[in-house]
Amino acid sequence: VTKSYQGNGISKLLIEKCLAKAKEIGVKKVSLYSNHQLQT
């Protein structure tokens, strides 16, 4: 989410959309790669 819009719950809506779609199509496992700097 672009910096000026962070803190408005946008990431939550995006992750919820992704997880809802994953469940809808029968996905068993969702993985991700990240970096320790990205604490939020």
PDB file of all heavy atoms in Angstrom:
ATOM      1  N   VAL A   1       0.881  -1.179   0.000  1.00  0.00           N
ATOM      2  CA  VAL A   1       0.000   0.000   0.000  1.00  0.00           C
ATOM      3  C   VAL A   1       0.910   1.217   0.000  1.00  0.00           C
ATOM      4  O   VAL A   1       1.872   1.281   0.779  1.00  0.00           O
ATOM      5  CB  VAL A   1      -0.926   0.009   1.238  1.00  0.00           C
ATOM      6  CG1 VAL A   1      -1.742   1.296   1.305  1.00  0.00           C
ATOM      7  CG2 VAL A   1      -1.853  -1.205   1.217  1.00  0.00           C
ATOM      8  N   THR A   2       0.603   2.163  -0.871  1.00  0.00           N
ATOM      9  CA  THR A   2       1.434   3.372  -0.948  1.00  0.00           C
ATOM     10  C   THR A   2       1.472   4.084   0.408  1.00  0.00           C
ATOM     11  O   THR A   2       0.494   4.065   1.159  1.00  0.00           O
ATOM     12  CB  THR A   2       0.948   4.301  -2.081  1.00  0.00           C
ATOM     13  OG1 THR A   2       1.959   5.275  -2.336  1.00  0.00           O
ATOM     14  CG2 THR A   2      -0.352   4.982  -1.753  1.00  0.00           C
ATOM     15  N   LYS A   3       2.617   4.647   0.720  1.00  0.00           N
ATOM     16  CA  LYS A   3       2.894   5.177   2.058  1.00  0.00           C
ATOM     17  C   LYS A   3       1.800   6.111   2.587  1.00  0.00           C
ATOM     18  O   LYS A   3       1.378   5.997   3.731  1.00  0.00           O
ATOM     19  CB  LYS A   3       4.244   5.898   2.048  1.00  0.00           C
ATOM     20  CG  LYS A   3       4.813   6.123   3.418  1.00  0.00           C
ATOM     21  CD  LYS A   3       6.331   6.133   3.372  1.00  0.00           C
ATOM     22  CE  LYS A   3       6.962   6.036   4.724  1.00  0.00           C
ATOM     23  NZ  LYS A   3       6.802   4.773   5.408  1.00  0.00           N
ATOM     24  N   SER A   4       1.321   7.021   1.748  1.00  0.00           N
ATOM     25  CA  SER A   4       0.343   8.013   2.223  1.00  0.00           C
ATOM     26  C   SER A   4      -1.017   7.403   2.577  1.00  0.00           C
ATOM     27  O   SER A   4      -1.853   8.067   3.185  1.00  0.00           O
ATOM     28  CB  SER A   4       0.172   9.130   1.194  1.00  0.00           C
ATOM     29  OG  SER A   4      -0.251   8.601  -0.040  1.00  0.00           O
ATOM     30  N   TYR A   5      -1.254   6.139   2.215  1.00  0.00           N
ATOM     31  CA  TYR A   5      -2.529   5.487   2.534  1.00  0.00           C
ATOM     32  C   TYR A   5      -2.376   4.361   3.547  1.00  0.00           C
ATOM     33  O   TYR A   5      -3.344   3.673   3.871  1.00  0.00           O
ATOM     34  CB  TYR A   5      -3.197   4.957   1.253  1.00  0.00           C
ATOM     35  CG  TYR A   5      -3.855   6.057   0.463  1.00  0.00           C
ATOM     36  CD1 TYR A   5      -3.132   6.824  -0.440  1.00  0.00           C
ATOM     37  CD2 TYR A   5      -5.206   6.355   0.639  1.00  0.00           C
ATOM     38  CE1 TYR A   5      -3.728   7.848  -1.159  1.00  0.00           C
ATOM     39  CE2 TYR A   5      -5.814   7.375  -0.078  1.00  0.00           C
ATOM     40  CZ  TYR A   5      -5.071   8.110  -0.967  1.00  0.00           C
ATOM     41  OH  TYR A   5      -5.676   9.129  -1.675  1.00  0.00           O
ATOM     42  N   GLN A   6      -1.161   4.145   4.056  1.00  0.00           N
ATOM     43  CA  GLN A   6      -0.955   3.095   5.056  1.00  0.00           C
ATOM     44  C   GLN A   6      -1.659   3.477   6.354  1.00  0.00           C
ATOM     45  O   GLN A   6      -1.848   4.651   6.646  1.00  0.00           O
ATOM     46  CB  GLN A   6       0.541   2.870   5.280  1.00  0.00           C
ATOM     47  CG  GLN A   6       1.193   2.215   4.078  1.00  0.00           C
ATOM     48  CD  GLN A   6       2.694   2.093   4.197  1.00  0.00           C
ATOM     49  OE1 GLN A   6       3.305   2.471   5.186  1.00  0.00           O
ATOM     50  NE2 GLN A   6       3.312   1.565   3.154  1.00  0.00           N
ATOM     51  N   GLY A   7      -2.074   2.466   7.104  1.00  0.00           N
ATOM     52  CA  GLY A   7      -2.738   2.703   8.378  1.00  0.00           C
ATOM     53  C   GLY A   7      -4.237   2.880   8.269  1.00  0.00           C
ATOM     54  O   GLY A   7      -4.900   3.233   9.241  1.00  0.00           O
ATOM     55  N   ASN A   8      -4.799   2.602   7.092  1.00  0.00           N
ATOM     56  CA  ASN A   8      -6.244   2.738   6.873  1.00  0.00           C
ATOM     57  C   ASN A   8      -6.953   1.395   6.703  1.00  0.00           C
ATOM     58  O   ASN A   8      -8.095   1.349   6.272  1.00  0.00           O
ATOM     59  CB  ASN A   8      -6.506   3.604   5.629  1.00  0.00           C
ATOM     60  CG  ASN A   8      -6.127   5.045   5.860  1.00  0.00           C
ATOM     61  OD1 ASN A   8      -6.686   5.705   6.728  1.00  0.00           O
ATOM     62  ND2 ASN A   8      -5.166   5.538   5.092  1.00  0.00           N
ATOM     63  N   GLY A   9      -6.257   0.302   7.010  1.00  0.00           N
ATOM     64  CA  GLY A   9      -6.876  -1.024   6.902  1.00  0.00           C
ATOM     65  C   GLY A   9      -6.902  -1.592   5.496  1.00  0.00           C
ATOM     66  O   GLY A   9      -7.549  -2.605   5.244  1.00  0.00           O
ATOM     67  N   ILE A  10      -6.193  -0.964   4.576  1.00  0.00           N
ATOM     68  CA  ILE A  10      -6.208  -1.417   3.179  1.00  0.00           C
ATOM     69  C   ILE A  10      -5.524  -2.771   3.036  1.00  0.00           C
ATOM     70  O   ILE A  10      -6.028  -3.657   2.339  1.00  0.00           O
ATOM     71  CB  ILE A  10      -5.581  -0.343   2.262  1.00  0.00           C
ATOM     72  CG1 ILE A  10      -6.459   0.920   2.290  1.00  0.00           C
ATOM     73  CG2 ILE A  10      -5.423  -0.870   0.840  1.00  0.00           C
ATOM     74  CD1 ILE A  10      -5.853   2.142   1.625  1.00  0.00           C
ATOM     75  N   SER A  11      -4.404  -2.973   3.716  1.00  0.00           N
ATOM     76  CA  SER A  11      -3.715  -4.269   3.654  1.00  0.00           C
ATOM     77  C   SER A  11      -4.604  -5.389   4.169  1.00  0.00           C
ATOM     78  O   SER A  11      -4.594  -6.495   3.627  1.00  0.00           O
ATOM     79  CB  SER A  11      -2.418  -4.232   4.462  1.00  0.00           C
ATOM     80  OG  SER A  11      -1.485  -3.395   3.849  1.00  0.00           O
ATOM     81  N   LYS A  12      -5.378  -5.100   5.212  1.00  0.00           N
ATOM     82  CA  LYS A  12      -6.303  -6.112   5.749  1.00  0.00           C
ATOM     83  C   LYS A  12      -7.327  -6.509   4.694  1.00  0.00           C
ATOM     84  O   LYS A  12      -7.621  -7.693   4.513  1.00  0.00           O
ATOM     85  CB  LYS A  12      -7.009  -5.589   6.995  1.00  0.00           C
ATOM     86  CG  LYS A  12      -6.090  -5.430   8.176  1.00  0.00           C
ATOM     87  CD  LYS A  12      -6.828  -4.836   9.362  1.00  0.00           C
ATOM     88  CE  LYS A  12      -5.842  -4.569  10.480  1.00  0.00           C
ATOM     89  NZ  LYS A  12      -6.215  -3.484  11.338  1.00  0.00           N
ATOM     90  N   LEU A  13      -7.884  -5.524   4.012  1.00  0.00           N
ATOM     91  CA  LEU A  13      -8.870  -5.821   2.967  1.00  0.00           C
ATOM     92  C   LEU A  13      -8.244  -6.631   1.833  1.00  0.00           C
ATOM     93  O   LEU A  13      -8.858  -7.556   1.301  1.00  0.00           O
ATOM     94  CB  LEU A  13      -9.486  -4.535   2.420  1.00  0.00           C
ATOM     95  CG  LEU A  13     -10.337  -3.736   3.407  1.00  0.00           C
ATOM     96  CD1 LEU A  13     -10.759  -2.410   2.790  1.00  0.00           C
ATOM     97  CD2 LEU A  13     -11.559  -4.542   3.841  1.00  0.00           C
ATOM     98  N   LEU A  14      -7.009  -6.294   1.471  1.00  0.00           N
ATOM     99  CA  LEU A  14      -6.326  -7.024   0.400  1.00  0.00           C
ATOM    100  C   LEU A  14      -6.048  -8.465   0.804  1.00  0.00           C
ATOM    101  O   LEU A  14      -6.306  -9.390   0.028  1.00  0.00           O
ATOM    102  CB  LEU A  14      -5.023  -6.311   0.022  1.00  0.00           C
ATOM    103  CG  LEU A  14      -5.185  -5.044  -0.809  1.00  0.00           C
ATOM    104  CD1 LEU A  14      -3.905  -4.216  -0.788  1.00  0.00           C
ATOM    105  CD2 LEU A  14      -5.593  -5.368  -2.243  1.00  0.00           C
ATOM    106  N   ILE A  15      -5.530  -8.682   2.008  1.00  0.00           N
ATOM    107  CA  ILE A  15      -5.214 -10.053   2.432  1.00  0.00           C
ATOM    108  C   ILE A  15      -6.507 -10.859   2.592  1.00  0.00           C
ATOM    109  O   ILE A  15      -6.564 -12.034   2.239  1.00  0.00           O
ATOM    110  CB  ILE A  15      -4.332 -10.088   3.696  1.00  0.00           C
ATOM    111  CG1 ILE A  15      -3.631 -11.450   3.813  1.00  0.00           C
ATOM    112  CG2 ILE A  15      -5.102  -9.759   4.951  1.00  0.00           C
ATOM    113  CD1 ILE A  15      -2.542 -11.489   4.865  1.00  0.00           C
ATOM    114  N   GLU A  16      -7.568 -10.229   3.089  1.00  0.00           N
ATOM    115  CA  GLU A  16      -8.853 -10.927   3.224  1.00  0.00           C
ATOM    116  C   GLU A  16      -9.395 -11.334   1.860  1.00  0.00           C
ATOM    117  O   GLU A  16      -9.953 -12.425   1.699  1.00  0.00           O
ATOM    118  CB  GLU A  16      -9.853 -10.063   3.984  1.00  0.00           C
ATOM    119  CG  GLU A  16      -9.521  -9.991   5.467  1.00  0.00           C
ATOM    120  CD  GLU A  16     -10.315  -8.950   6.245  1.00  0.00           C
ATOM    121  OE1 GLU A  16     -11.217  -8.296   5.662  1.00  0.00           O
ATOM    122  OE2 GLU A  16     -10.012  -8.774   7.447  1.00  0.00           O
ATOM    123  N   LYS A  17      -9.241 -10.475   0.855  1.00  0.00           N
ATOM    124  CA  LYS A  17      -9.686 -10.809  -0.507  1.00  0.00           C
ATOM    125  C   LYS A  17      -8.894 -11.999  -1.029  1.00  0.00           C
ATOM    126  O   LYS A  17      -9.468 -12.938  -1.596  1.00  0.00           O
ATOM    127  CB  LYS A  17      -9.511  -9.594  -1.421  1.00  0.00           C
ATOM    128  CG  LYS A  17      -9.981  -9.821  -2.836  1.00  0.00           C
ATOM    129  CD  LYS A  17     -11.480  -9.972  -2.882  1.00  0.00           C
ATOM    130  CE  LYS A  17     -11.985  -9.973  -4.307  1.00  0.00           C
ATOM    131  NZ  LYS A  17     -13.441 -10.083  -4.367  1.00  0.00           N
ATOM    132  N   CYS A  18      -7.577 -11.983  -0.830  1.00  0.00           N
ATOM    133  CA  CYS A  18      -6.735 -13.094  -1.288  1.00  0.00           C
ATOM    134  C   CYS A  18      -7.113 -14.408  -0.598  1.00  0.00           C
ATOM    135  O   CYS A  18      -7.240 -15.441  -1.260  1.00  0.00           O
ATOM    136  CB  CYS A  18      -5.264 -12.784  -1.035  1.00  0.00           C
ATOM    137  SG  CYS A  18      -4.576 -11.497  -2.099  1.00  0.00           S
ATOM    138  N   LEU A  19      -7.295 -14.359   0.708  1.00  0.00           N
ATOM    139  CA  LEU A  19      -7.617 -15.584   1.439  1.00  0.00           C
ATOM    140  C   LEU A  19      -9.020 -16.093   1.111  1.00  0.00           C
ATOM    141  O   LEU A  19      -9.241 -17.307   1.031  1.00  0.00           O
ATOM    142  CB  LEU A  19      -7.441 -15.364   2.943  1.00  0.00           C
ATOM    143  CG  LEU A  19      -5.997 -15.085   3.382  1.00  0.00           C
ATOM    144  CD1 LEU A  19      -5.937 -14.833   4.882  1.00  0.00           C
ATOM    145  CD2 LEU A  19      -5.057 -16.210   2.968  1.00  0.00           C
ATOM    146  N   ALA A  20      -9.956 -15.183   0.901  1.00  0.00           N
ATOM    147  CA  ALA A  20     -11.315 -15.599   0.515  1.00  0.00           C
ATOM    148  C   ALA A  20     -11.281 -16.296  -0.843  1.00  0.00           C
ATOM    149  O   ALA A  20     -11.935 -17.330  -1.032  1.00  0.00           O
ATOM    150  CB  ALA A  20     -12.256 -14.399   0.483  1.00  0.00           C
ATOM    151  N   LYS A  21     -10.520 -15.763  -1.777  1.00  0.00           N
ATOM    152  CA  LYS A  21     -10.413 -16.378  -3.106  1.00  0.00           C
ATOM    153  C   LYS A  21      -9.731 -17.735  -2.996  1.00  0.00           C
ATOM    154  O   LYS A  21     -10.158 -18.701  -3.628  1.00  0.00           O
ATOM    155  CB  LYS A  21      -9.637 -15.456  -4.056  1.00  0.00           C
ATOM    156  CG  LYS A  21      -9.576 -15.978  -5.476  1.00  0.00           C
ATOM    157  CD  LYS A  21     -10.974 -16.067  -6.063  1.00  0.00           C
ATOM    158  CE  LYS A  21     -10.968 -16.349  -7.530  1.00  0.00           C
ATOM    159  NZ  LYS A  21     -12.333 -16.356  -8.097  1.00  0.00           N
ATOM    160  N   ALA A  22      -8.678 -17.814  -2.188  1.00  0.00           N
ATOM    161  CA  ALA A  22      -7.974 -19.081  -2.017  1.00  0.00           C
ATOM    162  C   ALA A  22      -8.930 -20.155  -1.494  1.00  0.00           C
ATOM    163  O   ALA A  22      -8.957 -21.279  -1.999  1.00  0.00           O
ATOM    164  CB  ALA A  22      -6.789 -18.903  -1.070  1.00  0.00           C
ATOM    165  N   LYS A  23      -9.734 -19.790  -0.491  1.00  0.00           N
ATOM    166  CA  LYS A  23     -10.700 -20.752   0.056  1.00  0.00           C
ATOM    167  C   LYS A  23     -11.744 -21.125  -0.990  1.00  0.00           C
ATOM    168  O   LYS A  23     -12.113 -22.295  -1.126  1.00  0.00           O
ATOM    169  CB  LYS A  23     -11.374 -20.170   1.296  1.00  0.00           C
ATOM    170  CG  LYS A  23     -10.447 -20.097   2.494  1.00  0.00           C
ATOM    171  CD  LYS A  23     -11.091 -19.395   3.681  1.00  0.00           C
ATOM    172  CE  LYS A  23     -10.093 -19.250   4.810  1.00  0.00           C
ATOM    173  NZ  LYS A  23     -10.534 -18.320   5.836  1.00  0.00           N
ATOM    174  N   GLU A  24     -12.210 -20.125  -1.730  1.00  0.00           N
ATOM    175  CA  GLU A  24     -13.245 -20.338  -2.757  1.00  0.00           C
ATOM    176  C   GLU A  24     -12.803 -21.352  -3.810  1.00  0.00           C
ATOM    177  O   GLU A  24     -13.597 -22.167  -4.271  1.00  0.00           O
ATOM    178  CB  GLU A  24     -13.565 -18.997  -3.426  1.00  0.00           C
ATOM    179  CG  GLU A  24     -14.554 -19.069  -4.568  1.00  0.00           C
ATOM    180  CD  GLU A  24     -14.604 -17.757  -5.349  1.00  0.00           C
ATOM    181  OE1 GLU A  24     -14.579 -16.675  -4.725  1.00  0.00           O
ATOM    182  OE2 GLU A  24     -14.668 -17.823  -6.593  1.00  0.00           O
ATOM    183  N   ILE A  25     -11.528 -21.320  -4.184  1.00  0.00           N
ATOM    184  CA  ILE A  25     -11.052 -22.221  -5.244  1.00  0.00           C
ATOM    185  C   ILE A  25     -10.391 -23.483  -4.687  1.00  0.00           C
ATOM    186  O   ILE A  25      -9.800 -24.257  -5.433  1.00  0.00           O
ATOM    187  CB  ILE A  25     -10.119 -21.496  -6.240  1.00  0.00           C
ATOM    188  CG1 ILE A  25      -8.850 -20.990  -5.555  1.00  0.00           C
ATOM    189  CG2 ILE A  25     -10.861 -20.357  -6.940  1.00  0.00           C
ATOM    190  CD1 ILE A  25      -7.809 -20.425  -6.524  1.00  0.00           C
ATOM    191  N   GLY A  26     -10.483 -23.686  -3.384  1.00  0.00           N
ATOM    192  CA  GLY A  26     -10.018 -24.937  -2.790  1.00  0.00           C
ATOM    193  C   GLY A  26      -8.529 -25.028  -2.528  1.00  0.00           C
ATOM    194  O   GLY A  26      -7.973 -26.132  -2.457  1.00  0.00           O
ATOM    195  N   VAL A  27      -7.873 -23.897  -2.360  1.00  0.00           N
ATOM    196  CA  VAL A  27      -6.443 -23.907  -2.051  1.00  0.00           C
ATOM    197  C   VAL A  27      -6.241 -24.510  -0.657  1.00  0.00           C
ATOM    198  O   VAL A  27      -6.991 -24.216   0.269  1.00  0.00           O
ATOM    199  CB  VAL A  27      -5.876 -22.466  -2.119  1.00  0.00           C
ATOM    200  CG1 VAL A  27      -4.439 -22.407  -1.621  1.00  0.00           C
ATOM    201  CG2 VAL A  27      -5.967 -21.932  -3.545  1.00  0.00           C
ATOM    202  N   LYS A  28      -5.233 -25.352  -0.534  1.00  0.00           N
ATOM    203  CA  LYS A  28      -4.930 -26.009   0.742  1.00  0.00           C
ATOM    204  C   LYS A  28      -3.876 -25.245   1.546  1.00  0.00           C
ATOM    205  O   LYS A  28      -3.874 -25.270   2.765  1.00  0.00           O
ATOM    206  CB  LYS A  28      -4.411 -27.434   0.499  1.00  0.00           C
ATOM    207  CG  LYS A  28      -5.399 -28.323  -0.252  1.00  0.00           C
ATOM    208  CD  LYS A  28      -6.532 -28.752   0.637  1.00  0.00           C
ATOM    209  CE  LYS A  28      -7.481 -29.688  -0.053  1.00  0.00           C
ATOM    210  NZ  LYS A  28      -8.783 -29.130  -0.321  1.00  0.00           N
ATOM    211  N   LYS A  29      -2.936 -24.579   0.814  1.00  0.00           N
ATOM    212  CA  LYS A  29      -1.850 -23.895   1.506  1.00  0.00           C
ATOM    213  C   LYS A  29      -1.488 -22.611   0.770  1.00  0.00           C
ATOM    214  O   LYS A  29      -1.339 -22.606  -0.444  1.00  0.00           O
ATOM    215  CB  LYS A  29      -0.614 -24.805   1.583  1.00  0.00           C
ATOM    216  CG  LYS A  29       0.569 -24.154   2.280  1.00  0.00           C
ATOM    217  CD  LYS A  29       1.679 -25.135   2.637  1.00  0.00           C
ATOM    218  CE  LYS A  29       2.388 -25.702   1.462  1.00  0.00           C
ATOM    219  NZ  LYS A  29       3.520 -26.569   1.833  1.00  0.00           N
ATOM    220  N   VAL A  30      -1.363 -21.529   1.545  1.00  0.00           N
ATOM    221  CA  VAL A  30      -0.880 -20.258   1.015  1.00  0.00           C
ATOM    222  C   VAL A  30       0.450 -19.976   1.705  1.00  0.00           C
ATOM    223  O   VAL A  30       0.541 -20.041   2.934  1.00  0.00           O
ATOM    224  CB  VAL A  30      -1.873 -19.093   1.276  1.00  0.00           C
ATOM    225  CG1 VAL A  30      -1.306 -17.779   0.747  1.00  0.00           C
ATOM    226  CG2 VAL A  30      -3.228 -19.379   0.644  1.00  0.00           C
ATOM    227  N   SER A  31       1.474 -19.697   0.922  1.00  0.00           N
ATOM    228  CA  SER A  31       2.786 -19.391   1.479  1.00  0.00           C
ATOM    229  C   SER A  31       3.175 -17.970   1.086  1.00  0.00           C
ATOM    230  O   SER A  31       2.536 -17.349   0.231  1.00  0.00           O
ATOM    231  CB  SER A  31       3.828 -20.385   0.961  1.00  0.00           C
ATOM    232  OG  SER A  31       3.949 -20.268  -0.447  1.00  0.00           O
ATOM    233  N   LEU A  32       4.221 -17.472   1.697  1.00  0.00           N
ATOM    234  CA  LEU A  32       4.746 -16.168   1.314  1.00  0.00           C
ATOM    235  C   LEU A  32       6.203 -16.099   1.723  1.00  0.00           C
ATOM    236  O   LEU A  32       6.661 -16.819   2.601  1.00  0.00           O
ATOM    237  CB  LEU A  32       3.949 -15.028   1.960  1.00  0.00           C
ATOM    238  CG  LEU A  32       3.937 -14.940   3.483  1.00  0.00           C
ATOM    239  CD1 LEU A  32       5.115 -14.125   4.029  1.00  0.00           C
ATOM    240  CD2 LEU A  32       2.640 -14.309   3.949  1.00  0.00           C
ATOM    241  N   TYR A  33       6.916 -15.238   1.032  1.00  0.00           N
ATOM    242  CA  TYR A  33       8.297 -14.922   1.377  1.00  0.00           C
ATOM    243  C   TYR A  33       8.317 -13.480   1.828  1.00  0.00           C
ATOM    244  O   TYR A  33       7.604 -12.642   1.284  1.00  0.00           O
ATOM    245  CB  TYR A  33       9.218 -15.090   0.161  1.00  0.00           C
ATOM    246  CG  TYR A  33       9.357 -16.523  -0.272  1.00  0.00           C
ATOM    247  CD1 TYR A  33       8.544 -17.045  -1.277  1.00  0.00           C
ATOM    248  CD2 TYR A  33      10.296 -17.364   0.323  1.00  0.00           C
ATOM    249  CE1 TYR A  33       8.665 -18.365  -1.681  1.00  0.00           C
ATOM    250  CE2 TYR A  33      10.413 -18.685  -0.068  1.00  0.00           C
ATOM    251  CZ  TYR A  33       9.601 -19.181  -1.067  1.00  0.00           C
ATOM    252  OH  TYR A  33       9.721 -20.490  -1.446  1.00  0.00           O
ATOM    253  N   SER A  34       9.157 -13.188   2.823  1.00  0.00           N
ATOM    254  CA  SER A  34       9.247 -11.826   3.313  1.00  0.00           C
ATOM    255  C   SER A  34      10.671 -11.558   3.784  1.00  0.00           C
ATOM    256  O   SER A  34      11.571 -12.380   3.585  1.00  0.00           O
ATOM    257  CB  SER A  34       8.237 -11.592   4.450  1.00  0.00           C
ATOM    258  OG  SER A  34       8.127 -10.209   4.728  1.00  0.00           O
ATOM    259  N   ASN A  35      10.838 -10.404   4.387  1.00  0.00           N
ATOM    260  CA  ASN A  35      12.137  -9.986   4.903  1.00  0.00           C
ATOM    261  C   ASN A  35      11.920  -9.452   6.313  1.00  0.00           C
ATOM    262  O   ASN A  35      10.913  -8.786   6.570  1.00  0.00           O
ATOM    263  CB  ASN A  35      12.725  -8.905   3.989  1.00  0.00           C
ATOM    264  CG  ASN A  35      14.088  -8.434   4.449  1.00  0.00           C
ATOM    265  OD1 ASN A  35      14.184  -7.623   5.368  1.00  0.00           O
ATOM    266  ND2 ASN A  35      15.133  -8.937   3.827  1.00  0.00           N
ATOM    267  N   HIS A  36      12.867  -9.706   7.195  1.00  0.00           N
ATOM    268  CA  HIS A  36      12.730  -9.328   8.603  1.00  0.00           C
ATOM    269  C   HIS A  36      12.491  -7.831   8.810  1.00  0.00           C
ATOM    270  O   HIS A  36      11.941  -7.429   9.830  1.00  0.00           O
ATOM    271  CB  HIS A  36      13.978  -9.763   9.386  1.00  0.00           C
ATOM    272  CG  HIS A  36      15.202  -8.974   9.036  1.00  0.00           C
ATOM    273  ND1 HIS A  36      15.976  -9.272   7.932  1.00  0.00           N
ATOM    274  CD2 HIS A  36      15.743  -7.875   9.610  1.00  0.00           C
ATOM    275  CE1 HIS A  36      16.964  -8.381   7.859  1.00  0.00           C
ATOM    276  NE2 HIS A  36      16.850  -7.526   8.865  1.00  0.00           N
ATOM    277  N   GLN A  37      12.847  -6.990   7.838  1.00  0.00           N
ATOM    278  CA  GLN A  37      12.631  -5.545   7.964  1.00  0.00           C
ATOM    279  C   GLN A  37      11.139  -5.176   7.926  1.00  0.00           C
ATOM    280  O   GLN A  37      10.749  -4.120   8.401  1.00  0.00           O
ATOM    281  CB  GLN A  37      13.313  -4.796   6.819  1.00  0.00           C
ATOM    282  CG  GLN A  37      14.815  -4.933   6.768  1.00  0.00           C
ATOM    283  CD  GLN A  37      15.360  -4.218   5.551  1.00  0.00           C
ATOM    284  OE1 GLN A  37      15.451  -3.000   5.543  1.00  0.00           O
ATOM    285  NE2 GLN A  37      15.693  -4.973   4.522  1.00  0.00           N
ATOM    286  N   LEU A  38      10.336  -6.037   7.350  1.00  0.00           N
ATOM    287  CA  LEU A  38       8.919  -5.726   7.110  1.00  0.00           C
ATOM    288  C   LEU A  38       8.056  -6.150   8.299  1.00  0.00           C
ATOM    289  O   LEU A  38       7.138  -6.957   8.177  1.00  0.00           O
ATOM    290  CB  LEU A  38       8.456  -6.402   5.810  1.00  0.00           C
ATOM    291  CG  LEU A  38       9.320  -6.082   4.579  1.00  0.00           C
ATOM    292  CD1 LEU A  38       8.886  -6.915   3.383  1.00  0.00           C
ATOM    293  CD2 LEU A  38       9.266  -4.603   4.249  1.00  0.00           C
ATOM    294  N   GLN A  39       8.348  -5.588   9.465  1.00  0.00           N
ATOM    295  CA  GLN A  39       7.703  -6.014  10.708  1.00  0.00           C
ATOM    296  C   GLN A  39       6.189  -5.792  10.711  1.00  0.00           C
ATOM    297  O   GLN A  39       5.442  -6.616  11.238  1.00  0.00           O
ATOM    298  CB  GLN A  39       8.354  -5.319  11.908  1.00  0.00           C
ATOM    299  CG  GLN A  39       9.738  -5.854  12.233  1.00  0.00           C
ATOM    300  CD  GLN A  39       9.737  -7.338  12.547  1.00  0.00           C
ATOM    301  OE1 GLN A  39       8.950  -7.812  13.358  1.00  0.00           O
ATOM    302  NE2 GLN A  39      10.605  -8.091  11.885  1.00  0.00           N
ATOM    303  N   THR A  40       5.723  -4.705  10.141  1.00  0.00           N
ATOM    304  CA  THR A  40       4.275  -4.456  10.104  1.00  0.00           C
ATOM    305  C   THR A  40       3.580  -5.528   9.283  1.00  0.00           C
ATOM    306  O   THR A  40       2.555  -6.078   9.695  1.00  0.00           O
ATOM    307  CB  THR A  40       3.980  -3.054   9.532  1.00  0.00           C
ATOM    308  OG1 THR A  40       4.659  -2.090  10.336  1.00  0.00           O
ATOM    309  CG2 THR A  40       2.490  -2.757   9.537  1.00  0.00           C
TER     310      THR A  40
END
